[in-house]
Every structure is written in C-alpha cells, then in structure tokens.
C-alpha cells in the first residue's frame, strides 16, 4: 500500500496562457482539486523577465499561470476545458481590451498525454464551429511574476473584469 500517495494526493502541473494572468489565476484557483496557481511568464527568450519587460512585448513571453492540481480530484482534461471557457480561444494575441502577444492563448504541455488532451479538446471546439487559435507547445522554463501579481483579485477583494466563464461544452 502506497501511503505516501494517499497522504499527499497525486500532484500534477499544468501551464495555461489566456490573457491577463490575474483573471486566469483567479478563475482556475476556484476549481475543486486545484491546490495552487501562480502567475508568471513562459515561452520567451529572456531569462528572469520582469513584468515591465514582458509588458513591452519584447521578450516573447506570454502571461502564464502554473496550476498545481490533485489528479485524484480533477483531471487535466477538466482543467483544459475550464481554460477554454474562461477566455476567448478565438482571439489572436489578446483578450478583450488586452492586446499583444503576451496575452496570447497557449497551452504549454509537459507530457505527450497533455499535448494529446489539449489537441483533442481543441478538435471538439472546432467541431462546434469555434475558430480556435490557441497554440499547443512544449513547456519551457516558468518564471514566477513579482509578488504583487500573486493572488491579485483575492487581495483586492474584487473579481476579474476580463475573464468570464462562457459554457462551450
């Protein structure tokens, strides 16, 4: 009997970029089975990027969230589906009023299984008539954003204005 797994759960990691990381962090953190969400950056060519550098759109990074989740309580596919319902996967290089490649829609996968799951869900959306522009790319190094970006909406006591859940499944 593996008591260590029972005590610690089955912790896995997912990376999603879907516009402003504040809203993504807030919405994903409310999902049962998610144990932690951190705002940061991925997919660029500069080490230790600052928010200001990424904001200028010259580092290649996307505002990304790292999601730690208990796979015994929530599946990766459930998180992917939620990701597609809390941002607009048809808007290229932006979300609502937030425009620029740093706000692009992208799933950064860690395993072949994650890649296949993401592509399967994209196919489901395309079959429903959505022109999905979300990229599916291998994860690179994740750089956590500055502390003042973490838990932004919870600290402010407000809710996201640019992320609203839209049922697509």
Foldseek 3Di string as FASTA:
>chain_A
DPVVCVVPAAKDKWKWFAADVLQVQVQLVPDPFWDHKFWFWWQFDDPQDAPVRVLVQPGRIATMMMIIGRCVTDNLLNVLQQSCQFFPQQDAQHFVPGHHVNRGTEIADADPVSLVSNVVVVVVLVVVPGPGPYYYHHTDDTHGYDPCSPNVCVVVVHHDPRTDGDDRD
